Amino acid sequence: MARHLFLVSRRDVRLYEYLVERFQDDRNVEVVFDRRVGDRRRRPGPYGGPERRQSERRIRFEIDAELQVRSHVILTLPDDDTLLRD
């Protein structure tokens, strides 16, 4: 069975609290509060060394955009059995 991840915007603490309570007994649902503040790579660090990261680690930019507009995003994750078969 697929699992669902509710990613809740940091602007909506009440929704996060409600969803945590609502799905506390559902093992197929995980509720996560978005703790990200922004891109930490905007300005060079105090050491001034070259950037070591080769690529952006956030893969789903559309999720960031959705959280700017909506209070939450629901992601469907593959079940653990699917991961074991691949």
PDB file of N, CA and C in Angstrom:
ATOM      1  N   MET A   1       0.838  -1.180   0.000  1.00  0.00           N
ATOM      2  CA  MET A   1       0.000   0.000   0.000  1.00  0.00           C
ATOM      3  C   MET A   1       0.886   1.248   0.000  1.00  0.00           C
ATOM      4  N   ALA A   2       0.526   2.226  -0.792  1.00  0.00           N
ATOM      5  CA  ALA A   2       1.302   3.468  -0.874  1.00  0.00           C
ATOM      6  C   ALA A   2       1.190   4.253   0.430  1.00  0.00           C
ATOM      7  N   ARG A   3       2.228   5.015   0.682  1.00  0.00           N
ATOM      8  CA  ARG A   3       2.226   5.885   1.862  1.00  0.00           C
ATOM      9  C   ARG A   3       2.051   7.326   1.395  1.00  0.00           C
ATOM     10  N   HIS A   4       1.579   8.162   2.307  1.00  0.00           N
ATOM     11  CA  HIS A   4       1.338   9.563   1.971  1.00  0.00           C
ATOM     12  C   HIS A   4       2.090  10.447   2.949  1.00  0.00           C
ATOM     13  N   LEU A   5       2.685  11.487   2.395  1.00  0.00           N
ATOM     14  CA  LEU A   5       3.422  12.451   3.187  1.00  0.00           C
ATOM     15  C   LEU A   5       2.743  13.804   3.029  1.00  0.00           C
ATOM     16  N   PHE A   6       2.285  14.359   4.148  1.00  0.00           N
ATOM     17  CA  PHE A   6       1.724  15.705   4.152  1.00  0.00           C
ATOM     18  C   PHE A   6       2.845  16.650   4.557  1.00  0.00           C
ATOM     19  N   LEU A   7       3.225  17.535   3.658  1.00  0.00           N
ATOM     20  CA  LEU A   7       4.222  18.557   3.954  1.00  0.00           C
ATOM     21  C   LEU A   7       3.454  19.853   4.168  1.00  0.00           C
ATOM     22  N   VAL A   8       3.506  20.376   5.409  1.00  0.00           N
ATOM     23  CA  VAL A   8       2.692  21.526   5.789  1.00  0.00           C
ATOM     24  C   VAL A   8       3.557  22.775   5.838  1.00  0.00           C
ATOM     25  N   SER A   9       3.039  23.853   5.265  1.00  0.00           N
ATOM     26  CA  SER A   9       3.741  25.135   5.237  1.00  0.00           C
ATOM     27  C   SER A   9       4.014  25.627   6.658  1.00  0.00           C
ATOM     28  N   ARG A  10       5.131  26.289   6.826  1.00  0.00           N
ATOM     29  CA  ARG A  10       5.501  26.816   8.139  1.00  0.00           C
ATOM     30  C   ARG A  10       4.563  27.927   8.577  1.00  0.00           C
ATOM     31  N   ARG A  11       3.745  28.442   7.670  1.00  0.00           N
ATOM     32  CA  ARG A  11       2.789  29.488   8.017  1.00  0.00           C
ATOM     33  C   ARG A  11       1.522  28.936   8.644  1.00  0.00           C
ATOM     34  N   ASP A  12       1.337  27.623   8.643  1.00  0.00           N
ATOM     35  CA  ASP A  12       0.069  27.050   9.099  1.00  0.00           C
ATOM     36  C   ASP A  12       0.280  26.008  10.199  1.00  0.00           C
ATOM     37  N   VAL A  13       0.672  26.480  11.349  1.00  0.00           N
ATOM     38  CA  VAL A  13       0.946  25.601  12.492  1.00  0.00           C
ATOM     39  C   VAL A  13      -0.316  24.872  12.935  1.00  0.00           C
ATOM     40  N   ARG A  14      -1.453  25.543  12.882  1.00  0.00           N
ATOM     41  CA  ARG A  14      -2.710  24.903  13.318  1.00  0.00           C
ATOM     42  C   ARG A  14      -3.077  23.716  12.429  1.00  0.00           C
ATOM     43  N   LEU A  15      -2.866  23.853  11.125  1.00  0.00           N
ATOM     44  CA  LEU A  15      -3.135  22.735  10.223  1.00  0.00           C
ATOM     45  C   LEU A  15      -2.203  21.576  10.536  1.00  0.00           C
ATOM     46  N   TYR A  16      -0.942  21.865  10.770  1.00  0.00           N
ATOM     47  CA  TYR A  16       0.022  20.821  11.120  1.00  0.00           C
ATOM     48  C   TYR A  16      -0.443  20.064  12.366  1.00  0.00           C
ATOM     49  N   GLU A  17      -0.814  20.791  13.402  1.00  0.00           N
ATOM     50  CA  GLU A  17      -1.258  20.160  14.647  1.00  0.00           C
ATOM     51  C   GLU A  17      -2.501  19.313  14.424  1.00  0.00           C
ATOM     52  N   TYR A  18      -3.432  19.809  13.613  1.00  0.00           N
ATOM     53  CA  TYR A  18      -4.642  19.050  13.316  1.00  0.00           C
ATOM     54  C   TYR A  18      -4.314  17.752  12.582  1.00  0.00           C
ATOM     55  N   LEU A  19      -3.479  17.840  11.548  1.00  0.00           N
ATOM     56  CA  LEU A  19      -3.146  16.650  10.761  1.00  0.00           C
ATOM     57  C   LEU A  19      -2.379  15.616  11.585  1.00  0.00           C
ATOM     58  N   VAL A  20      -1.491  16.068  12.448  1.00  0.00           N
ATOM     59  CA  VAL A  20      -0.754  15.137  13.315  1.00  0.00           C
ATOM     60  C   VAL A  20      -1.740  14.365  14.184  1.00  0.00           C
ATOM     61  N   GLU A  21      -2.698  15.084  14.758  1.00  0.00           N
ATOM     62  CA  GLU A  21      -3.689  14.410  15.612  1.00  0.00           C
ATOM     63  C   GLU A  21      -4.598  13.495  14.789  1.00  0.00           C
ATOM     64  N   ARG A  22      -5.024  13.977  13.648  1.00  0.00           N
ATOM     65  CA  ARG A  22      -5.950  13.220  12.801  1.00  0.00           C
ATOM     66  C   ARG A  22      -5.348  11.907  12.305  1.00  0.00           C
ATOM     67  N   PHE A  23      -4.067  11.905  11.954  1.00  0.00           N
ATOM     68  CA  PHE A  23      -3.437  10.726  11.367  1.00  0.00           C
ATOM     69  C   PHE A  23      -2.465  10.022  12.308  1.00  0.00           C
ATOM     70  N   GLN A  24      -2.562  10.266  13.596  1.00  0.00           N
ATOM     71  CA  GLN A  24      -1.605   9.687  14.530  1.00  0.00           C
ATOM     72  C   GLN A  24      -1.609   8.165  14.545  1.00  0.00           C
ATOM     73  N   ASP A  25      -2.719   7.552  14.223  1.00  0.00           N
ATOM     74  CA  ASP A  25      -2.802   6.090  14.239  1.00  0.00           C
ATOM     75  C   ASP A  25      -2.674   5.456  12.850  1.00  0.00           C
ATOM     76  N   ASP A  26      -2.484   6.262  11.835  1.00  0.00           N
ATOM     77  CA  ASP A  26      -2.389   5.755  10.467  1.00  0.00           C
ATOM     78  C   ASP A  26      -0.918   5.586  10.090  1.00  0.00           C
ATOM     79  N   ARG A  27      -0.479   4.355   9.967  1.00  0.00           N
ATOM     80  CA  ARG A  27       0.931   4.076   9.664  1.00  0.00           C
ATOM     81  C   ARG A  27       1.310   4.427   8.235  1.00  0.00           C
ATOM     82  N   ASN A  28       0.318   4.673   7.377  1.00  0.00           N
ATOM     83  CA  ASN A  28       0.592   4.999   5.979  1.00  0.00           C
ATOM     84  C   ASN A  28       0.633   6.501   5.715  1.00  0.00           C
ATOM     85  N   VAL A  29       0.495   7.292   6.773  1.00  0.00           N
ATOM     86  CA  VAL A  29       0.509   8.745   6.622  1.00  0.00           C
ATOM     87  C   VAL A  29       1.551   9.334   7.561  1.00  0.00           C
ATOM     88  N   GLU A  30       2.382  10.221   7.016  1.00  0.00           N
ATOM     89  CA  GLU A  30       3.355  10.954   7.822  1.00  0.00           C
ATOM     90  C   GLU A  30       3.120  12.442   7.589  1.00  0.00           C
ATOM     91  N   VAL A  31       3.096  13.206   8.664  1.00  0.00           N
ATOM     92  CA  VAL A  31       2.901  14.648   8.582  1.00  0.00           C
ATOM     93  C   VAL A  31       4.201  15.322   8.979  1.00  0.00           C
ATOM     94  N   VAL A  32       4.703  16.214   8.106  1.00  0.00           N
ATOM     95  CA  VAL A  32       5.983  16.876   8.333  1.00  0.00           C
ATOM     96  C   VAL A  32       5.772  18.381   8.230  1.00  0.00           C
ATOM     97  N   PHE A  33       6.316  19.102   9.199  1.00  0.00           N
ATOM     98  CA  PHE A  33       6.272  20.556   9.199  1.00  0.00           C
ATOM     99  C   PHE A  33       7.479  21.063   8.420  1.00  0.00           C
ATOM    100  N   ASP A  34       7.245  21.910   7.426  1.00  0.00           N
ATOM    101  CA  ASP A  34       8.337  22.428   6.603  1.00  0.00           C
ATOM    102  C   ASP A  34       9.190  23.372   7.440  1.00  0.00           C
ATOM    103  N   ARG A  35      10.416  22.966   7.729  1.00  0.00           N
ATOM    104  CA  ARG A  35      11.311  23.747   8.582  1.00  0.00           C
ATOM    105  C   ARG A  35      12.275  24.597   7.780  1.00  0.00           C
ATOM    106  N   ARG A  36      12.260  24.435   6.481  1.00  0.00           N
ATOM    107  CA  ARG A  36      13.205  25.169   5.643  1.00  0.00           C
ATOM    108  C   ARG A  36      12.883  26.659   5.656  1.00  0.00           C
ATOM    109  N   VAL A  37      13.912  27.457   5.761  1.00  0.00           N
ATOM    110  CA  VAL A  37      13.739  28.903   5.766  1.00  0.00           C
ATOM    111  C   VAL A  37      14.032  29.471   4.392  1.00  0.00           C
ATOM    112  N   GLY A  38      14.988  28.935   3.721  1.00  0.00           N
ATOM    113  CA  GLY A  38      15.359  29.407   2.389  1.00  0.00           C
ATOM    114  C   GLY A  38      16.642  28.757   1.960  1.00  0.00           C
ATOM    115  N   ASP A  39      17.158  29.217   0.862  1.00  0.00           N
ATOM    116  CA  ASP A  39      18.408  28.673   0.353  1.00  0.00           C
ATOM    117  C   ASP A  39      19.554  29.230   1.172  1.00  0.00           C
ATOM    118  N   ARG A  40      20.323  28.376   1.783  1.00  0.00           N
ATOM    119  CA  ARG A  40      21.433  28.826   2.619  1.00  0.00           C
ATOM    120  C   ARG A  40      22.682  29.149   1.817  1.00  0.00           C
ATOM    121  N   ARG A  41      22.651  28.946   0.501  1.00  0.00           N
ATOM    122  CA  ARG A  41      23.833  29.164  -0.330  1.00  0.00           C
ATOM    123  C   ARG A  41      23.797  30.520  -1.036  1.00  0.00           C
ATOM    124  N   ARG A  42      23.000  31.442  -0.589  1.00  0.00           N
ATOM    125  CA  ARG A  42      22.851  32.713  -1.292  1.00  0.00           C
ATOM    126  C   ARG A  42      24.113  33.560  -1.281  1.00  0.00           C
ATOM    127  N   ARG A  43      24.790  33.601  -0.185  1.00  0.00           N
ATOM    128  CA  ARG A  43      25.995  34.437  -0.120  1.00  0.00           C
ATOM    129  C   ARG A  43      27.188  33.592   0.279  1.00  0.00           C
ATOM    130  N   PRO A  44      28.335  33.987  -0.134  1.00  0.00           N
ATOM    131  CA  PRO A  44      29.526  33.200   0.205  1.00  0.00           C
ATOM    132  C   PRO A  44      29.779  33.203   1.709  1.00  0.00           C
ATOM    133  N   GLY A  45      30.320  32.104   2.179  1.00  0.00           N
ATOM    134  CA  GLY A  45      30.626  31.984   3.599  1.00  0.00           C
ATOM    135  C   GLY A  45      31.806  32.841   4.006  1.00  0.00           C
ATOM    136  N   PRO A  46      32.054  32.895   5.293  1.00  0.00           N
ATOM    137  CA  PRO A  46      33.147  33.737   5.791  1.00  0.00           C
ATOM    138  C   PRO A  46      34.524  33.249   5.336  1.00  0.00           C
ATOM    139  N   TYR A  47      34.591  32.001   4.908  1.00  0.00           N
ATOM    140  CA  TYR A  47      35.876  31.450   4.504  1.00  0.00           C
ATOM    141  C   TYR A  47      36.193  31.736   3.040  1.00  0.00           C
ATOM    142  N   GLY A  48      35.178  32.109   2.276  1.00  0.00           N
ATOM    143  CA  GLY A  48      35.391  32.513   0.899  1.00  0.00           C
ATOM    144  C   GLY A  48      35.884  31.428  -0.033  1.00  0.00           C
ATOM    145  N   GLY A  49      35.783  30.169   0.359  1.00  0.00           N
ATOM    146  CA  GLY A  49      36.244  29.071  -0.497  1.00  0.00           C
ATOM    147  C   GLY A  49      35.282  28.841  -1.645  1.00  0.00           C
ATOM    148  N   PRO A  50      35.705  28.068  -2.608  1.00  0.00           N
ATOM    149  CA  PRO A  50      34.834  27.777  -3.753  1.00  0.00           C
ATOM    150  C   PRO A  50      33.665  26.884  -3.336  1.00  0.00           C
ATOM    151  N   GLU A  51      32.585  26.986  -4.060  1.00  0.00           N
ATOM    152  CA  GLU A  51      31.402  26.170  -3.800  1.00  0.00           C
ATOM    153  C   GLU A  51      31.721  24.717  -4.111  1.00  0.00           C
ATOM    154  N   ARG A  52      31.508  23.836  -3.146  1.00  0.00           N
ATOM    155  CA  ARG A  52      31.824  22.421  -3.334  1.00  0.00           C
ATOM    156  C   ARG A  52      30.660  21.626  -3.889  1.00  0.00           C
ATOM    157  N   ARG A  53      29.443  22.081  -3.664  1.00  0.00           N
ATOM    158  CA  ARG A  53      28.283  21.341  -4.147  1.00  0.00           C
ATOM    159  C   ARG A  53      28.205  21.451  -5.664  1.00  0.00           C
ATOM    160  N   GLN A  54      27.986  20.332  -6.303  1.00  0.00           N
ATOM    161  CA  GLN A  54      27.967  20.305  -7.763  1.00  0.00           C
ATOM    162  C   GLN A  54      26.575  20.565  -8.334  1.00  0.00           C
ATOM    163  N   SER A  55      25.532  20.300  -7.541  1.00  0.00           N
ATOM    164  CA  SER A  55      24.182  20.489  -8.053  1.00  0.00           C
ATOM    165  C   SER A  55      23.246  20.822  -6.903  1.00  0.00           C
ATOM    166  N   GLU A  56      22.066  21.247  -7.268  1.00  0.00           N
ATOM    167  CA  GLU A  56      21.034  21.557  -6.294  1.00  0.00           C
ATOM    168  C   GLU A  56      20.516  20.254  -5.692  1.00  0.00           C
ATOM    169  N   ARG A  57      20.391  20.222  -4.363  1.00  0.00           N
ATOM    170  CA  ARG A  57      19.939  18.996  -3.719  1.00  0.00           C
ATOM    171  C   ARG A  57      18.426  18.867  -3.717  1.00  0.00           C
ATOM    172  N   ARG A  58      17.715  19.968  -3.744  1.00  0.00           N
ATOM    173  CA  ARG A  58      16.260  19.900  -3.795  1.00  0.00           C
ATOM    174  C   ARG A  58      15.857  19.517  -5.204  1.00  0.00           C
ATOM    175  N   ILE A  59      15.193  18.405  -5.325  1.00  0.00           N
ATOM    176  CA  ILE A  59      14.856  17.877  -6.642  1.00  0.00           C
ATOM    177  C   ILE A  59      13.513  18.409  -7.118  1.00  0.00           C
ATOM    178  N   ARG A  60      12.579  18.562  -6.230  1.00  0.00           N
ATOM    179  CA  ARG A  60      11.223  18.945  -6.623  1.00  0.00           C
ATOM    180  C   ARG A  60      10.972  20.426  -6.355  1.00  0.00           C
ATOM    181  N   PHE A  61      11.353  21.254  -7.291  1.00  0.00           N
ATOM    182  CA  PHE A  61      11.156  22.694  -7.146  1.00  0.00           C
ATOM    183  C   PHE A  61       9.684  23.060  -7.108  1.00  0.00           C
ATOM    184  N   GLU A  62       8.838  22.252  -7.778  1.00  0.00           N
ATOM    185  CA  GLU A  62       7.411  22.553  -7.799  1.00  0.00           C
ATOM    186  C   GLU A  62       6.797  22.465  -6.406  1.00  0.00           C
ATOM    187  N   ILE A  63       7.366  21.656  -5.540  1.00  0.00           N
ATOM    188  CA  ILE A  63       6.865  21.565  -4.169  1.00  0.00           C
ATOM    189  C   ILE A  63       7.126  22.878  -3.438  1.00  0.00           C
ATOM    190  N   ASP A  64       8.306  23.441  -3.605  1.00  0.00           N
ATOM    191  CA  ASP A  64       8.602  24.735  -3.002  1.00  0.00           C
ATOM    192  C   ASP A  64       7.615  25.789  -3.488  1.00  0.00           C
ATOM    193  N   ALA A  65       7.325  25.775  -4.779  1.00  0.00           N
ATOM    194  CA  ALA A  65       6.390  26.744  -5.344  1.00  0.00           C
ATOM    195  C   ALA A  65       4.986  26.542  -4.789  1.00  0.00           C
ATOM    196  N   GLU A  66       4.558  25.289  -4.673  1.00  0.00           N
ATOM    197  CA  GLU A  66       3.228  25.001  -4.118  1.00  0.00           C
ATOM    198  C   GLU A  66       3.100  25.496  -2.684  1.00  0.00           C
ATOM    199  N   LEU A  67       4.133  25.304  -1.878  1.00  0.00           N
ATOM    200  CA  LEU A  67       4.070  25.740  -0.483  1.00  0.00           C
ATOM    201  C   LEU A  67       4.046  27.261  -0.352  1.00  0.00           C
ATOM    202  N   GLN A  68       4.478  27.979  -1.381  1.00  0.00           N
ATOM    203  CA  GLN A  68       4.374  29.431  -1.356  1.00  0.00           C
ATOM    204  C   GLN A  68       2.923  29.877  -1.535  1.00  0.00           C
ATOM    205  N   VAL A  69       2.125  29.033  -2.206  1.00  0.00           N
ATOM    206  CA  VAL A  69       0.744  29.383  -2.536  1.00  0.00           C
ATOM    207  C   VAL A  69      -0.258  28.688  -1.620  1.00  0.00           C
ATOM    208  N   ARG A  70       0.005  27.427  -1.278  1.00  0.00           N
ATOM    209  CA  ARG A  70      -0.942  26.615  -0.516  1.00  0.00           C
ATOM    210  C   ARG A  70      -0.422  26.348   0.882  1.00  0.00           C
ATOM    211  N   SER A  71      -1.285  25.816   1.717  1.00  0.00           N
ATOM    212  CA  SER A  71      -0.904  25.524   3.095  1.00  0.00           C
ATOM    213  C   SER A  71      -0.214  24.181   3.250  1.00  0.00           C
ATOM    214  N   HIS A  72      -0.360  23.293   2.243  1.00  0.00           N
ATOM    215  CA  HIS A  72       0.249  21.967   2.348  1.00  0.00           C
ATOM    216  C   HIS A  72       0.390  21.337   0.970  1.00  0.00           C
ATOM    217  N   VAL A  73       1.204  20.307   0.919  1.00  0.00           N
ATOM    218  CA  VAL A  73       1.384  19.487  -0.276  1.00  0.00           C
ATOM    219  C   VAL A  73       1.299  18.038   0.173  1.00  0.00           C
ATOM    220  N   ILE A  74       0.595  17.225  -0.598  1.00  0.00           N
ATOM    221  CA  ILE A  74       0.485  15.799  -0.286  1.00  0.00           C
ATOM    222  C   ILE A  74       1.294  15.033  -1.321  1.00  0.00           C
ATOM    223  N   LEU A  75       2.252  14.256  -0.848  1.00  0.00           N
ATOM    224  CA  LEU A  75       3.090  13.437  -1.718  1.00  0.00           C
ATOM    225  C   LEU A  75       2.752  11.977  -1.508  1.00  0.00           C
ATOM    226  N   THR A  76       2.706  11.224  -2.582  1.00  0.00           N
ATOM    227  CA  THR A  76       2.490   9.784  -2.486  1.00  0.00           C
ATOM    228  C   THR A  76       3.844   9.117  -2.636  1.00  0.00           C
ATOM    229  N   LEU A  77       4.198   8.319  -1.657  1.00  0.00           N
ATOM    230  CA  LEU A  77       5.490   7.642  -1.637  1.00  0.00           C
ATOM    231  C   LEU A  77       5.286   6.166  -1.938  1.00  0.00           C
ATOM    232  N   PRO A  78       6.226   5.547  -2.608  1.00  0.00           N
ATOM    233  CA  PRO A  78       6.083   4.108  -2.862  1.00  0.00           C
ATOM    234  C   PRO A  78       6.150   3.332  -1.549  1.00  0.00           C
ATOM    235  N   ASP A  79       5.471   2.206  -1.538  1.00  0.00           N
ATOM    236  CA  ASP A  79       5.526   1.395  -0.318  1.00  0.00           C
ATOM    237  C   ASP A  79       6.881   0.723  -0.196  1.00  0.00           C
ATOM    238  N   ASP A  80       7.175   0.255   0.989  1.00  0.00           N
ATOM    239  CA  ASP A  80       8.469  -0.356   1.255  1.00  0.00           C
ATOM    240  C   ASP A  80       8.710  -1.603   0.415  1.00  0.00           C
ATOM    241  N   ASP A  81       7.627  -2.353   0.100  1.00  0.00           N
ATOM    242  CA  ASP A  81       7.782  -3.559  -0.704  1.00  0.00           C
ATOM    243  C   ASP A  81       8.297  -3.236  -2.103  1.00  0.00           C
ATOM    244  N   THR A  82       7.830  -2.122  -2.674  1.00  0.00           N
ATOM    245  CA  THR A  82       8.273  -1.742  -4.004  1.00  0.00           C
ATOM    246  C   THR A  82       9.771  -1.440  -3.990  1.00  0.00           C
ATOM    247  N   LEU A  83      10.238  -0.795  -2.951  1.00  0.00           N
ATOM    248  CA  LEU A  83      11.657  -0.463  -2.856  1.00  0.00           C
ATOM    249  C   LEU A  83      12.516  -1.716  -2.743  1.00  0.00           C
ATOM    250  N   LEU A  84      12.004  -2.739  -2.070  1.00  0.00           N
ATOM    251  CA  LEU A  84      12.774  -3.967  -1.890  1.00  0.00           C
ATOM    252  C   LEU A  84      12.855  -4.773  -3.184  1.00  0.00           C
ATOM    253  N   ARG A  85      11.848  -4.678  -4.038  1.00  0.00           N
ATOM    254  CA  ARG A  85      11.837  -5.447  -5.272  1.00  0.00           C
ATOM    255  C   ARG A  85      12.731  -4.862  -6.340  1.00  0.00           C
ATOM    256  N   ASP A  86      12.989  -3.570  -6.306  1.00  0.00           N
ATOM    257  CA  ASP A  86      13.800  -2.924  -7.343  1.00  0.00           C
ATOM    258  C   ASP A  86      15.266  -3.137  -7.154  1.00  0.00           C
TER     259      ASP A  86
END
